[in-house]
Amino acid sequence: EERQFQHSLPQEAETLPLITEKNTRLARKIIYSHHIIADSKRAGLRELALAFQVSALVKIGWPGVIVLEGHESRVDAFVSYIQRWRWKKLIVR
């Protein structure tokens, strides 16, 4: 069964390199936001995690927190993509 995404998938997700044993460097990032409330933003984060093949734990409410883990290039691409969204405040650690 093919999954239908609510939002259009980012081109970045389609052009990421394949994960091989030679490039299996993993990364973890914690992102703090003023808040994560909007259903559309929550759905978008869920869909992007699937598209970029990263694990994401999202704490909704005030403050909002996103914990990402996965292949380094995919985590970096995910962060780069969501930084273009509208946020009151977004801090990446």
PDB file of N, CA and C in Angstrom:
ATOM      1  N   GLU A   1       0.845  -1.178   0.000  1.00  0.00           N
ATOM      2  CA  GLU A   1       0.000   0.000   0.000  1.00  0.00           C
ATOM      3  C   GLU A   1       0.891   1.242   0.000  1.00  0.00           C
ATOM      4  N   GLU A   2       0.692   2.129  -0.938  1.00  0.00           N
ATOM      5  CA  GLU A   2       1.476   3.343  -1.033  1.00  0.00           C
ATOM      6  C   GLU A   2       0.871   4.410  -0.137  1.00  0.00           C
ATOM      7  N   ARG A   3       1.720   5.067   0.644  1.00  0.00           N
ATOM      8  CA  ARG A   3       1.261   6.088   1.587  1.00  0.00           C
ATOM      9  C   ARG A   3       1.034   7.399   0.844  1.00  0.00           C
ATOM     10  N   GLN A   4      -0.093   8.023   1.088  1.00  0.00           N
ATOM     11  CA  GLN A   4      -0.404   9.323   0.499  1.00  0.00           C
ATOM     12  C   GLN A   4      -0.059  10.408   1.515  1.00  0.00           C
ATOM     13  N   PHE A   5       0.780  11.348   1.117  1.00  0.00           N
ATOM     14  CA  PHE A   5       1.188  12.425   2.010  1.00  0.00           C
ATOM     15  C   PHE A   5       0.269  13.623   1.841  1.00  0.00           C
ATOM     16  N   GLN A   6      -0.042  14.253   2.951  1.00  0.00           N
ATOM     17  CA  GLN A   6      -0.905  15.435   2.945  1.00  0.00           C
ATOM     18  C   GLN A   6      -0.189  16.602   2.258  1.00  0.00           C
ATOM     19  N   HIS A   7       1.095  16.739   2.508  1.00  0.00           N
ATOM     20  CA  HIS A   7       1.889  17.819   1.933  1.00  0.00           C
ATOM     21  C   HIS A   7       2.744  17.240   0.814  1.00  0.00           C
ATOM     22  N   SER A   8       3.193  18.094  -0.099  1.00  0.00           N
ATOM     23  CA  SER A   8       4.086  17.606  -1.144  1.00  0.00           C
ATOM     24  C   SER A   8       5.431  17.267  -0.510  1.00  0.00           C
ATOM     25  N   LEU A   9       6.016  16.174  -0.954  1.00  0.00           N
ATOM     26  CA  LEU A   9       7.290  15.749  -0.399  1.00  0.00           C
ATOM     27  C   LEU A   9       8.402  16.667  -0.889  1.00  0.00           C
ATOM     28  N   PRO A  10       9.337  16.991  -0.013  1.00  0.00           N
ATOM     29  CA  PRO A  10      10.435  17.856  -0.429  1.00  0.00           C
ATOM     30  C   PRO A  10      11.365  17.126  -1.386  1.00  0.00           C
ATOM     31  N   GLN A  11      11.889  17.858  -2.372  1.00  0.00           N
ATOM     32  CA  GLN A  11      12.833  17.265  -3.315  1.00  0.00           C
ATOM     33  C   GLN A  11      14.075  16.764  -2.602  1.00  0.00           C
ATOM     34  N   GLU A  12      14.448  17.409  -1.509  1.00  0.00           N
ATOM     35  CA  GLU A  12      15.636  17.011  -0.768  1.00  0.00           C
ATOM     36  C   GLU A  12      15.550  15.559  -0.317  1.00  0.00           C
ATOM     37  N   ALA A  13      14.358  15.097   0.033  1.00  0.00           N
ATOM     38  CA  ALA A  13      14.186  13.731   0.517  1.00  0.00           C
ATOM     39  C   ALA A  13      14.438  12.721  -0.588  1.00  0.00           C
ATOM     40  N   GLU A  14      14.164  13.096  -1.827  1.00  0.00           N
ATOM     41  CA  GLU A  14      14.337  12.174  -2.942  1.00  0.00           C
ATOM     42  C   GLU A  14      15.776  12.096  -3.416  1.00  0.00           C
ATOM     43  N   THR A  15      16.587  13.116  -3.134  1.00  0.00           N
ATOM     44  CA  THR A  15      17.954  13.157  -3.656  1.00  0.00           C
ATOM     45  C   THR A  15      19.013  12.804  -2.615  1.00  0.00           C
ATOM     46  N   LEU A  16      18.617  12.372  -1.425  1.00  0.00           N
ATOM     47  CA  LEU A  16      19.592  12.006  -0.406  1.00  0.00           C
ATOM     48  C   LEU A  16      20.300  10.716  -0.801  1.00  0.00           C
ATOM     49  N   PRO A  17      21.578  10.592  -0.422  1.00  0.00           N
ATOM     50  CA  PRO A  17      22.315   9.383  -0.794  1.00  0.00           C
ATOM     51  C   PRO A  17      21.776   8.148  -0.081  1.00  0.00           C
ATOM     52  N   LEU A  18      21.989   7.007  -0.704  1.00  0.00           N
ATOM     53  CA  LEU A  18      21.614   5.749  -0.074  1.00  0.00           C
ATOM     54  C   LEU A  18      22.502   5.514   1.133  1.00  0.00           C
ATOM     55  N   ILE A  19      21.963   4.861   2.131  1.00  0.00           N
ATOM     56  CA  ILE A  19      22.730   4.570   3.333  1.00  0.00           C
ATOM     57  C   ILE A  19      23.470   3.259   3.114  1.00  0.00           C
ATOM     58  N   THR A  20      24.788   3.307   3.251  1.00  0.00           N
ATOM     59  CA  THR A  20      25.613   2.108   3.116  1.00  0.00           C
ATOM     60  C   THR A  20      26.447   1.951   4.373  1.00  0.00           C
ATOM     61  N   GLU A  21      27.157   0.832   4.462  1.00  0.00           N
ATOM     62  CA  GLU A  21      28.001   0.614   5.642  1.00  0.00           C
ATOM     63  C   GLU A  21      29.117   1.644   5.725  1.00  0.00           C
ATOM     64  N   LYS A  22      29.543   2.185   4.587  1.00  0.00           N
ATOM     65  CA  LYS A  22      30.648   3.148   4.580  1.00  0.00           C
ATOM     66  C   LYS A  22      30.223   4.528   5.070  1.00  0.00           C
ATOM     67  N   ASN A  23      28.958   4.854   4.966  1.00  0.00           N
ATOM     68  CA  ASN A  23      28.518   6.195   5.384  1.00  0.00           C
ATOM     69  C   ASN A  23      27.379   6.109   6.400  1.00  0.00           C
ATOM     70  N   THR A  24      27.604   5.357   7.462  1.00  0.00           N
ATOM     71  CA  THR A  24      26.552   5.163   8.465  1.00  0.00           C
ATOM     72  C   THR A  24      26.738   6.058   9.690  1.00  0.00           C
ATOM     73  N   ARG A  25      27.249   7.236   9.489  1.00  0.00           N
ATOM     74  CA  ARG A  25      27.415   8.152  10.611  1.00  0.00           C
ATOM     75  C   ARG A  25      26.034   8.635  11.065  1.00  0.00           C
ATOM     76  N   LEU A  26      25.726   8.402  12.338  1.00  0.00           N
ATOM     77  CA  LEU A  26      24.424   8.786  12.890  1.00  0.00           C
ATOM     78  C   LEU A  26      24.520  10.126  13.600  1.00  0.00           C
ATOM     79  N   ALA A  27      23.387  10.790  13.680  1.00  0.00           N
ATOM     80  CA  ALA A  27      23.343  12.085  14.356  1.00  0.00           C
ATOM     81  C   ALA A  27      22.074  12.174  15.185  1.00  0.00           C
ATOM     82  N   ARG A  28      22.137  13.013  16.200  1.00  0.00           N
ATOM     83  CA  ARG A  28      20.968  13.295  17.029  1.00  0.00           C
ATOM     84  C   ARG A  28      20.919  14.804  17.240  1.00  0.00           C
ATOM     85  N   LYS A  29      19.762  15.394  17.053  1.00  0.00           N
ATOM     86  CA  LYS A  29      19.591  16.833  17.254  1.00  0.00           C
ATOM     87  C   LYS A  29      18.345  17.068  18.085  1.00  0.00           C
ATOM     88  N   ILE A  30      18.425  18.085  18.921  1.00  0.00           N
ATOM     89  CA  ILE A  30      17.274  18.515  19.711  1.00  0.00           C
ATOM     90  C   ILE A  30      16.914  19.922  19.241  1.00  0.00           C
ATOM     91  N   ILE A  31      15.647  20.104  18.928  1.00  0.00           N
ATOM     92  CA  ILE A  31      15.172  21.385  18.420  1.00  0.00           C
ATOM     93  C   ILE A  31      14.109  21.914  19.384  1.00  0.00           C
ATOM     94  N   TYR A  32      14.312  23.138  19.834  1.00  0.00           N
ATOM     95  CA  TYR A  32      13.361  23.777  20.731  1.00  0.00           C
ATOM     96  C   TYR A  32      12.575  24.813  19.959  1.00  0.00           C
ATOM     97  N   SER A  33      11.287  24.857  20.198  1.00  0.00           N
ATOM     98  CA  SER A  33      10.409  25.827  19.555  1.00  0.00           C
ATOM     99  C   SER A  33       9.584  26.526  20.634  1.00  0.00           C
ATOM    100  N   HIS A  34       9.143  27.736  20.329  1.00  0.00           N
ATOM    101  CA  HIS A  34       8.277  28.450  21.268  1.00  0.00           C
ATOM    102  C   HIS A  34       7.053  27.607  21.587  1.00  0.00           C
ATOM    103  N   HIS A  35       6.463  27.000  20.534  1.00  0.00           N
ATOM    104  CA  HIS A  35       5.352  26.074  20.726  1.00  0.00           C
ATOM    105  C   HIS A  35       5.144  25.265  19.451  1.00  0.00           C
ATOM    106  N   ILE A  36       4.532  24.107  19.611  1.00  0.00           N
ATOM    107  CA  ILE A  36       4.090  23.294  18.474  1.00  0.00           C
ATOM    108  C   ILE A  36       2.641  22.931  18.779  1.00  0.00           C
ATOM    109  N   ILE A  37       1.719  23.600  18.108  1.00  0.00           N
ATOM    110  CA  ILE A  37       0.303  23.413  18.367  1.00  0.00           C
ATOM    111  C   ILE A  37      -0.473  23.014  17.114  1.00  0.00           C
ATOM    112  N   ALA A  38      -0.208  23.689  16.005  1.00  0.00           N
ATOM    113  CA  ALA A  38      -0.999  23.523  14.783  1.00  0.00           C
ATOM    114  C   ALA A  38      -1.007  22.073  14.292  1.00  0.00           C
ATOM    115  N   ASP A  39      -2.207  21.574  14.009  1.00  0.00           N
ATOM    116  CA  ASP A  39      -2.338  20.212  13.487  1.00  0.00           C
ATOM    117  C   ASP A  39      -1.555  20.033  12.196  1.00  0.00           C
ATOM    118  N   SER A  40      -1.543  21.060  11.353  1.00  0.00           N
ATOM    119  CA  SER A  40      -0.832  20.962  10.075  1.00  0.00           C
ATOM    120  C   SER A  40       0.670  20.830  10.284  1.00  0.00           C
ATOM    121  N   LYS A  41       1.215  21.542  11.254  1.00  0.00           N
ATOM    122  CA  LYS A  41       2.648  21.455  11.537  1.00  0.00           C
ATOM    123  C   LYS A  41       2.989  20.095  12.133  1.00  0.00           C
ATOM    124  N   ARG A  42       2.130  19.598  12.997  1.00  0.00           N
ATOM    125  CA  ARG A  42       2.355  18.273  13.598  1.00  0.00           C
ATOM    126  C   ARG A  42       2.314  17.192  12.536  1.00  0.00           C
ATOM    127  N   ALA A  43       1.338  17.271  11.627  1.00  0.00           N
ATOM    128  CA  ALA A  43       1.239  16.299  10.530  1.00  0.00           C
ATOM    129  C   ALA A  43       2.434  16.423   9.597  1.00  0.00           C
ATOM    130  N   GLY A  44       2.850  17.657   9.331  1.00  0.00           N
ATOM    131  CA  GLY A  44       3.999  17.877   8.465  1.00  0.00           C
ATOM    132  C   GLY A  44       5.273  17.281   9.040  1.00  0.00           C
ATOM    133  N   LEU A  45       5.485  17.430  10.344  1.00  0.00           N
ATOM    134  CA  LEU A  45       6.662  16.841  10.991  1.00  0.00           C
ATOM    135  C   LEU A  45       6.641  15.319  10.893  1.00  0.00           C
ATOM    136  N   ARG A  46       5.473  14.730  11.100  1.00  0.00           N
ATOM    137  CA  ARG A  46       5.331  13.282  11.013  1.00  0.00           C
ATOM    138  C   ARG A  46       5.656  12.792   9.594  1.00  0.00           C
ATOM    139  N   GLU A  47       5.103  13.475   8.603  1.00  0.00           N
ATOM    140  CA  GLU A  47       5.322  13.079   7.213  1.00  0.00           C
ATOM    141  C   GLU A  47       6.768  13.289   6.786  1.00  0.00           C
ATOM    142  N   LEU A  48       7.384  14.370   7.246  1.00  0.00           N
ATOM    143  CA  LEU A  48       8.782  14.608   6.898  1.00  0.00           C
ATOM    144  C   LEU A  48       9.702  13.560   7.508  1.00  0.00           C
ATOM    145  N   ALA A  49       9.417  13.149   8.735  1.00  0.00           N
ATOM    146  CA  ALA A  49      10.233  12.109   9.362  1.00  0.00           C
ATOM    147  C   ALA A  49      10.188  10.832   8.521  1.00  0.00           C
ATOM    148  N   LEU A  50       9.016  10.490   8.009  1.00  0.00           N
ATOM    149  CA  LEU A  50       8.909   9.320   7.134  1.00  0.00           C
ATOM    150  C   LEU A  50       9.658   9.539   5.825  1.00  0.00           C
ATOM    151  N   ALA A  51       9.494  10.719   5.234  1.00  0.00           N
ATOM    152  CA  ALA A  51      10.124  11.011   3.949  1.00  0.00           C
ATOM    153  C   ALA A  51      11.651  11.024   4.057  1.00  0.00           C
ATOM    154  N   PHE A  52      12.179  11.611   5.139  1.00  0.00           N
ATOM    155  CA  PHE A  52      13.624  11.699   5.315  1.00  0.00           C
ATOM    156  C   PHE A  52      14.204  10.468   6.012  1.00  0.00           C
ATOM    157  N   GLN A  53      13.348   9.552   6.414  1.00  0.00           N
ATOM    158  CA  GLN A  53      13.753   8.309   7.079  1.00  0.00           C
ATOM    159  C   GLN A  53      14.584   8.581   8.341  1.00  0.00           C
ATOM    160  N   VAL A  54      14.028   9.443   9.197  1.00  0.00           N
ATOM    161  CA  VAL A  54      14.632   9.721  10.496  1.00  0.00           C
ATOM    162  C   VAL A  54      13.604   9.419  11.583  1.00  0.00           C
ATOM    163  N   SER A  55      14.089   9.182  12.771  1.00  0.00           N
ATOM    164  CA  SER A  55      13.200   9.002  13.919  1.00  0.00           C
ATOM    165  C   SER A  55      12.974  10.371  14.547  1.00  0.00           C
ATOM    166  N   ALA A  56      11.727  10.669  14.865  1.00  0.00           N
ATOM    167  CA  ALA A  56      11.409  11.967  15.452  1.00  0.00           C
ATOM    168  C   ALA A  56      10.461  11.777  16.629  1.00  0.00           C
ATOM    169  N   LEU A  57      10.806  12.399  17.726  1.00  0.00           N
ATOM    170  CA  LEU A  57       9.946  12.444  18.900  1.00  0.00           C
ATOM    171  C   LEU A  57       9.558  13.909  19.074  1.00  0.00           C
ATOM    172  N   VAL A  58       8.254  14.186  19.070  1.00  0.00           N
ATOM    173  CA  VAL A  58       7.790  15.565  19.115  1.00  0.00           C
ATOM    174  C   VAL A  58       6.966  15.784  20.381  1.00  0.00           C
ATOM    175  N   LYS A  59       7.361  16.783  21.160  1.00  0.00           N
ATOM    176  CA  LYS A  59       6.597  17.183  22.338  1.00  0.00           C
ATOM    177  C   LYS A  59       5.784  18.406  21.937  1.00  0.00           C
ATOM    178  N   ILE A  60       4.475  18.240  21.896  1.00  0.00           N
ATOM    179  CA  ILE A  60       3.613  19.344  21.493  1.00  0.00           C
ATOM    180  C   ILE A  60       3.308  20.236  22.691  1.00  0.00           C
ATOM    181  N   GLY A  61       2.864  21.445  22.413  1.00  0.00           N
ATOM    182  CA  GLY A  61       2.517  22.380  23.483  1.00  0.00           C
ATOM    183  C   GLY A  61       3.567  23.462  23.609  1.00  0.00           C
ATOM    184  N   TRP A  62       3.663  24.038  24.825  1.00  0.00           N
ATOM    185  CA  TRP A  62       4.595  25.119  25.118  1.00  0.00           C
ATOM    186  C   TRP A  62       5.605  24.619  26.124  1.00  0.00           C
ATOM    187  N   PRO A  63       6.856  24.633  25.920  1.00  0.00           N
ATOM    188  CA  PRO A  63       7.507  24.816  24.628  1.00  0.00           C
ATOM    189  C   PRO A  63       7.378  23.539  23.800  1.00  0.00           C
ATOM    190  N   GLY A  64       7.648  23.659  22.535  1.00  0.00           N
ATOM    191  CA  GLY A  64       7.671  22.495  21.660  1.00  0.00           C
ATOM    192  C   GLY A  64       9.100  21.973  21.557  1.00  0.00           C
ATOM    193  N   VAL A  65       9.235  20.669  21.516  1.00  0.00           N
ATOM    194  CA  VAL A  65      10.563  20.060  21.407  1.00  0.00           C
ATOM    195  C   VAL A  65      10.498  18.962  20.355  1.00  0.00           C
ATOM    196  N   ILE A  66      11.522  18.903  19.509  1.00  0.00           N
ATOM    197  CA  ILE A  66      11.646  17.844  18.508  1.00  0.00           C
ATOM    198  C   ILE A  66      12.998  17.183  18.728  1.00  0.00           C
ATOM    199  N   VAL A  67      13.008  15.872  18.917  1.00  0.00           N
ATOM    200  CA  VAL A  67      14.250  15.119  19.035  1.00  0.00           C
ATOM    201  C   VAL A  67      14.360  14.270  17.781  1.00  0.00           C
ATOM    202  N   LEU A  68      15.447  14.464  17.039  1.00  0.00           N
ATOM    203  CA  LEU A  68      15.670  13.736  15.794  1.00  0.00           C
ATOM    204  C   LEU A  68      16.851  12.802  15.940  1.00  0.00           C
ATOM    205  N   GLU A  69      16.764  11.654  15.289  1.00  0.00           N
ATOM    206  CA  GLU A  69      17.883  10.728  15.265  1.00  0.00           C
ATOM    207  C   GLU A  69      17.847   9.980  13.948  1.00  0.00           C
ATOM    208  N   GLY A  70      19.017   9.807  13.363  1.00  0.00           N
ATOM    209  CA  GLY A  70      19.103   9.075  12.109  1.00  0.00           C
ATOM    210  C   GLY A  70      20.411   9.331  11.412  1.00  0.00           C
ATOM    211  N   HIS A  71      20.469   8.957  10.142  1.00  0.00           N
ATOM    212  CA  HIS A  71      21.651   9.162   9.333  1.00  0.00           C
ATOM    213  C   HIS A  71      21.953  10.656   9.286  1.00  0.00           C
ATOM    214  N   GLU A  72      23.211  11.017   9.454  1.00  0.00           N
ATOM    215  CA  GLU A  72      23.593  12.424   9.612  1.00  0.00           C
ATOM    216  C   GLU A  72      23.085  13.324   8.481  1.00  0.00           C
ATOM    217  N   SER A  73      23.238  12.913   7.239  1.00  0.00           N
ATOM    218  CA  SER A  73      22.814  13.774   6.126  1.00  0.00           C
ATOM    219  C   SER A  73      21.299  13.942   6.104  1.00  0.00           C
ATOM    220  N   ARG A  74      20.569  12.923   6.533  1.00  0.00           N
ATOM    221  CA  ARG A  74      19.108  12.997   6.549  1.00  0.00           C
ATOM    222  C   ARG A  74      18.608  13.886   7.685  1.00  0.00           C
ATOM    223  N   VAL A  75      19.244  13.796   8.844  1.00  0.00           N
ATOM    224  CA  VAL A  75      18.885  14.660   9.972  1.00  0.00           C
ATOM    225  C   VAL A  75      19.162  16.122   9.613  1.00  0.00           C
ATOM    226  N   ASP A  76      20.328  16.379   9.009  1.00  0.00           N
ATOM    227  CA  ASP A  76      20.673  17.748   8.611  1.00  0.00           C
ATOM    228  C   ASP A  76      19.688  18.289   7.572  1.00  0.00           C
ATOM    229  N   ALA A  77      19.294  17.444   6.617  1.00  0.00           N
ATOM    230  CA  ALA A  77      18.343  17.869   5.584  1.00  0.00           C
ATOM    231  C   ALA A  77      16.979  18.158   6.203  1.00  0.00           C
ATOM    232  N   PHE A  78      16.535  17.339   7.163  1.00  0.00           N
ATOM    233  CA  PHE A  78      15.264  17.550   7.861  1.00  0.00           C
ATOM    234  C   PHE A  78      15.278  18.902   8.557  1.00  0.00           C
ATOM    235  N   VAL A  79      16.351  19.167   9.311  1.00  0.00           N
ATOM    236  CA  VAL A  79      16.460  20.433  10.052  1.00  0.00           C
ATOM    237  C   VAL A  79      16.462  21.611   9.082  1.00  0.00           C
ATOM    238  N   SER A  80      17.233  21.506   8.030  1.00  0.00           N
ATOM    239  CA  SER A  80      17.292  22.572   7.034  1.00  0.00           C
ATOM    240  C   SER A  80      15.918  22.842   6.429  1.00  0.00           C
ATOM    241  N   TYR A  81      15.169  21.792   6.185  1.00  0.00           N
ATOM    242  CA  TYR A  81      13.847  21.936   5.584  1.00  0.00           C
ATOM    243  C   TYR A  81      12.867  22.626   6.533  1.00  0.00           C
ATOM    244  N   ILE A  82      12.814  22.198   7.806  1.00  0.00           N
ATOM    245  CA  ILE A  82      11.829  22.796   8.714  1.00  0.00           C
ATOM    246  C   ILE A  82      12.214  24.202   9.150  1.00  0.00           C
ATOM    247  N   GLN A  83      13.489  24.571   9.001  1.00  0.00           N
ATOM    248  CA  GLN A  83      13.881  25.939   9.342  1.00  0.00           C
ATOM    249  C   GLN A  83      13.248  26.949   8.390  1.00  0.00           C
ATOM    250  N   ARG A  84      12.805  26.503   7.233  1.00  0.00           N
ATOM    251  CA  ARG A  84      12.123  27.389   6.279  1.00  0.00           C
ATOM    252  C   ARG A  84      10.665  27.624   6.645  1.00  0.00           C
ATOM    253  N   TRP A  85      10.131  26.814   7.562  1.00  0.00           N
ATOM    254  CA  TRP A  85       8.753  27.003   8.003  1.00  0.00           C
ATOM    255  C   TRP A  85       8.673  28.236   8.889  1.00  0.00           C
ATOM    256  N   ARG A  86       7.459  28.671   9.135  1.00  0.00           N
ATOM    257  CA  ARG A  86       7.251  29.840   9.988  1.00  0.00           C
ATOM    258  C   ARG A  86       7.253  29.399  11.457  1.00  0.00           C
ATOM    259  N   TRP A  87       8.195  29.922  12.223  1.00  0.00           N
ATOM    260  CA  TRP A  87       8.331  29.628  13.646  1.00  0.00           C
ATOM    261  C   TRP A  87       8.495  30.935  14.384  1.00  0.00           C
ATOM    262  N   LYS A  88       7.928  31.012  15.583  1.00  0.00           N
ATOM    263  CA  LYS A  88       8.165  32.197  16.412  1.00  0.00           C
ATOM    264  C   LYS A  88       9.611  32.184  16.904  1.00  0.00           C
ATOM    265  N   LYS A  89      10.069  30.983  17.291  1.00  0.00           N
ATOM    266  CA  LYS A  89      11.454  30.821  17.741  1.00  0.00           C
ATOM    267  C   LYS A  89      11.827  29.362  17.505  1.00  0.00           C
ATOM    268  N   LEU A  90      13.034  29.116  16.999  1.00  0.00           N
ATOM    269  CA  LEU A  90      13.505  27.761  16.735  1.00  0.00           C
ATOM    270  C   LEU A  90      14.992  27.699  17.053  1.00  0.00           C
ATOM    271  N   ILE A  91      15.354  26.844  17.989  1.00  0.00           N
ATOM    272  CA  ILE A  91      16.748  26.689  18.395  1.00  0.00           C
ATOM    273  C   ILE A  91      17.149  25.235  18.158  1.00  0.00           C
ATOM    274  N   VAL A  92      18.253  25.044  17.416  1.00  0.00           N
ATOM    275  CA  VAL A  92      18.748  23.700  17.105  1.00  0.00           C
ATOM    276  C   VAL A  92      20.014  23.447  17.922  1.00  0.00           C
ATOM    277  N   ARG A  93      20.040  22.350  18.631  1.00  0.00           N
ATOM    278  CA  ARG A  93      21.217  21.965  19.440  1.00  0.00           C
ATOM    279  C   ARG A  93      21.750  20.644  18.969  1.00  0.00           C
TER     280      ARG A  93
END
